[in-house]
Protein backbone atom coordinates (compact mmCIF):
# COMPACT_ATOMS: atom_id res chain seq x y z
CA MET A 1 12.28 0.09 -7.90
CA ASN A 2 10.45 -0.70 -4.78
CA ALA A 3 10.51 -3.63 -2.30
CA ASP A 4 7.92 -5.71 -4.94
CA GLN A 5 9.34 -4.71 -7.75
CA LEU A 6 12.87 -5.66 -6.38
CA CYS A 7 11.67 -9.47 -4.84
CA GLY A 8 9.92 -9.56 -8.28
CA LEU A 9 13.04 -9.47 -10.31
CA LEU A 10 15.25 -12.24 -7.64
CA ALA A 11 12.61 -14.61 -7.76
CA GLU A 12 13.63 -16.59 -10.74
CA PRO A 13 16.66 -18.39 -9.09
CA SER A 14 18.20 -17.82 -13.09
CA ARG A 15 18.28 -13.79 -12.48
CA LEU A 16 18.91 -14.18 -8.29
CA ARG A 17 22.35 -16.50 -9.87
CA THR A 18 23.58 -13.90 -12.07
CA TYR A 19 22.45 -11.30 -10.43
CA SER A 20 24.68 -12.75 -6.90
CA ALA A 21 27.71 -13.30 -10.01
CA VAL A 22 28.00 -10.24 -10.81
CA VAL A 23 27.62 -8.59 -7.35
CA LEU A 24 30.76 -11.74 -6.08
CA GLY A 25 32.60 -10.42 -9.26
CA ALA A 26 31.83 -11.11 -12.87
CA THR A 27 32.03 -8.66 -15.49
CA THR A 28 31.20 -11.09 -18.77
CA ALA A 29 27.96 -12.90 -19.25
CA ASP A 30 30.99 -15.85 -19.85
CA GLU A 31 32.12 -15.30 -16.51
CA VAL A 32 28.12 -15.07 -15.23
CA ALA A 33 27.65 -18.21 -17.34
CA GLY A 34 30.98 -20.10 -16.00
CA SER A 35 30.65 -19.34 -12.44
CA THR A 36 27.25 -20.03 -11.90
CA GLY A 37 26.86 -23.03 -14.12
CA LEU A 38 23.74 -21.44 -16.14
CA ALA A 39 23.78 -22.02 -19.78
CA GLN A 40 24.66 -18.94 -21.97
CA PRO A 41 21.16 -18.68 -23.02
CA VAL A 42 19.89 -18.40 -19.73
CA VAL A 43 22.33 -16.01 -18.27
CA VAL A 44 21.62 -13.77 -21.39
CA LYS A 45 18.46 -13.56 -20.49
CA ALA A 46 18.89 -12.56 -16.68
CA LEU A 47 20.90 -10.30 -17.88
CA GLN A 48 18.24 -8.67 -20.14
CA ARG A 49 15.57 -7.91 -17.25
CA LEU A 50 18.20 -6.99 -15.09
CA PHE A 51 19.20 -4.81 -17.32
CA LYS A 52 15.83 -3.56 -17.00
CA GLY A 53 15.34 -3.52 -13.75
CA GLY A 54 18.45 -1.75 -12.32
CA LEU A 55 20.47 -4.22 -10.98
CA VAL A 56 23.06 -4.57 -13.52
CA THR A 57 24.22 -2.27 -15.90
CA ALA A 58 27.58 -2.38 -18.31
CA ASP A 59 30.65 0.31 -18.08
CA GLY A 60 31.84 -0.80 -21.07
CA ASP A 61 31.53 -3.97 -21.50
CA ARG A 62 31.40 -4.76 -17.96
CA LEU A 63 28.63 -5.79 -15.92
CA GLN A 64 28.48 -3.83 -12.73
CA ALA A 65 25.65 -4.41 -9.48
CA ASP A 66 23.52 -1.95 -8.22
CA GLU A 67 24.17 -3.06 -4.94
CA SER A 68 22.13 0.85 -3.96
CA ALA A 69 18.89 -1.06 -5.12
CA PHE A 70 17.97 -3.09 -1.69
CA LYS A 71 18.78 0.76 0.61
CA ASP A 72 16.17 2.58 -1.66
CA ALA A 73 13.03 0.12 -1.99
CA VAL A 74 13.55 -0.27 1.41
CA ARG A 75 13.42 4.34 2.37
CA GLU A 76 10.46 3.91 -0.68
CA SER A 77 8.24 1.51 1.10
CA ARG A 78 9.38 2.67 5.12
CA PRO A 79 5.97 5.39 6.06
CA GLU A 80 6.69 8.93 6.77
CA TRP A 81 8.52 9.88 9.95
CA VAL A 82 5.19 11.19 12.10
CA PRO A 83 6.20 12.57 15.65
CA LEU A 84 4.98 11.81 18.38
CA ASP A 85 5.19 14.70 20.77
CA PRO A 86 5.88 18.24 19.61
CA ASP A 87 8.55 19.08 21.64
CA PRO A 88 11.95 17.82 19.71
CA GLU A 89 13.08 16.45 22.96
CA ARG A 90 10.51 14.18 24.02
CA ASP A 91 9.84 12.96 20.64
CA ALA A 92 13.35 12.15 20.84
CA VAL A 93 12.71 9.76 23.79
CA LEU A 94 9.24 8.51 22.75
CA LYS A 95 11.24 6.98 19.23
CA SER A 96 13.41 5.32 21.11
CA PHE A 97 11.16 3.40 23.28
CA ILE A 98 8.66 3.24 21.56
CA ARG A 99 8.08 1.57 17.55
CA ASP A 100 5.32 0.52 15.23
CA GLY A 101 2.44 1.92 18.20
CA ARG A 102 4.86 -0.53 20.75
CA LEU A 103 5.92 0.06 24.03
CA THR A 104 9.75 -2.40 23.25
CA HIS A 105 11.14 -1.36 26.91
CA PHE A 106 10.79 0.41 29.50
CA PRO A 107 13.00 3.08 30.90
CA THR A 108 15.24 3.51 33.43
CA PHE A 109 15.82 6.84 33.44
CA PRO A 110 12.21 8.42 35.91
CA ASP A 111 12.54 11.34 33.53
CA LYS A 112 12.37 9.38 30.67
CA PHE A 113 9.75 7.26 31.40
CA ARG A 114 7.65 10.25 32.74
CA ILE A 115 7.61 11.09 28.94
CA VAL A 116 6.16 7.98 27.89
CA LEU A 117 3.96 7.27 30.49
CA GLU A 118 2.29 10.90 29.36
CA HIS A 119 2.48 9.78 26.35
CA LEU A 120 0.39 6.33 27.16
CA VAL A 121 -1.61 8.51 29.83
CA THR A 122 -3.34 9.77 25.94
CA SER A 123 -4.85 6.37 25.40
CA PHE A 124 -7.33 7.70 27.73
CA GLU A 125 -10.14 10.11 27.59
CA PRO A 126 -9.99 12.89 30.54
CA GLY A 127 -12.45 12.28 32.82
CA ARG A 128 -13.99 8.73 31.10
CA SER A 129 -14.32 5.68 33.85
CA TYR A 130 -12.42 3.00 33.40
CA PRO A 131 -12.84 -0.59 34.47
CA GLU A 132 -9.84 -2.72 35.51
CA SER A 133 -9.81 -4.37 32.41
CA GLU A 134 -10.72 -2.28 30.66
CA VAL A 135 -6.91 -0.62 31.46
CA ASN A 136 -5.93 -3.88 30.79
CA GLU A 137 -7.17 -4.20 27.55
CA ILE A 138 -5.50 -0.43 26.39
CA LEU A 139 -2.34 -0.93 28.00
CA ASN A 140 -2.11 -3.70 26.76
CA ARG A 141 -2.08 -3.13 22.64
CA TRP A 142 1.17 -1.16 24.49
CA HIS A 143 3.05 -3.14 26.19
CA PRO A 144 2.55 -6.45 27.63
CA ASP A 145 2.96 -6.39 31.01
CA HIS A 146 -0.47 -3.75 31.72
CA ALA A 147 0.33 -3.87 34.86
CA ALA A 148 3.20 -3.25 35.65
CA LEU A 149 2.10 0.36 33.44
CA ARG A 150 -0.88 0.73 35.18
CA ARG A 151 0.83 0.22 38.11
CA GLU A 152 3.82 3.15 37.16
CA LEU A 153 0.46 5.58 35.45
CA VAL A 154 -1.25 5.53 39.09
CA ASP A 155 2.15 6.55 41.74
CA ALA A 156 2.83 8.92 38.42
CA ARG A 157 -0.49 10.30 39.70
CA LEU A 158 -2.12 10.48 35.24
CA LEU A 159 -4.38 7.96 36.54
CA SER A 160 -6.50 8.13 39.25
CA ARG A 161 -8.10 4.27 41.22
CA THR A 162 -10.89 3.74 42.90
CA ASP A 163 -12.58 0.68 43.55
CA SER A 164 -11.79 -0.93 40.42
CA ILE A 165 -12.52 2.23 38.68
CA TYR A 166 -9.74 4.48 36.60
CA THR A 167 -9.96 7.95 35.78
CA ARG A 168 -7.27 10.17 33.92
CA THR A 169 -6.31 12.95 35.72
């Protein structure tokens, strides 16, 4: 079941209350009705949909909630991880600081910061000249402090600057 199906299944208040009651320990339709205040026919209908959707199962006469459905739905919706670098050690560093194509924060260790800068500089074509405004625009896609990134790239000699024109070295 994917996240959309899961949310759809619990979008109806009577099903959500019924499922919640089962999660909290109700083991029969009568217990669900008693703890939720829902009428017995409403509980039975909600349970039928929850059984069909796989969120509730019955072990003999006892109801049980499948709480793993949430983790499974999240795992199913996550895209497969594509390494940011073919070197596993460098990739591990990049995964620590880059989420969804954005730099979350600047590394404090110089070696790690160098790896991040070397990754960011691949946003620039070698040999092509970039005006400062375009460099800012590209770096702003990575992190809002594009000025600091620009300075660091120049200081690391990954970008060169002449008369406000930048070139990847």
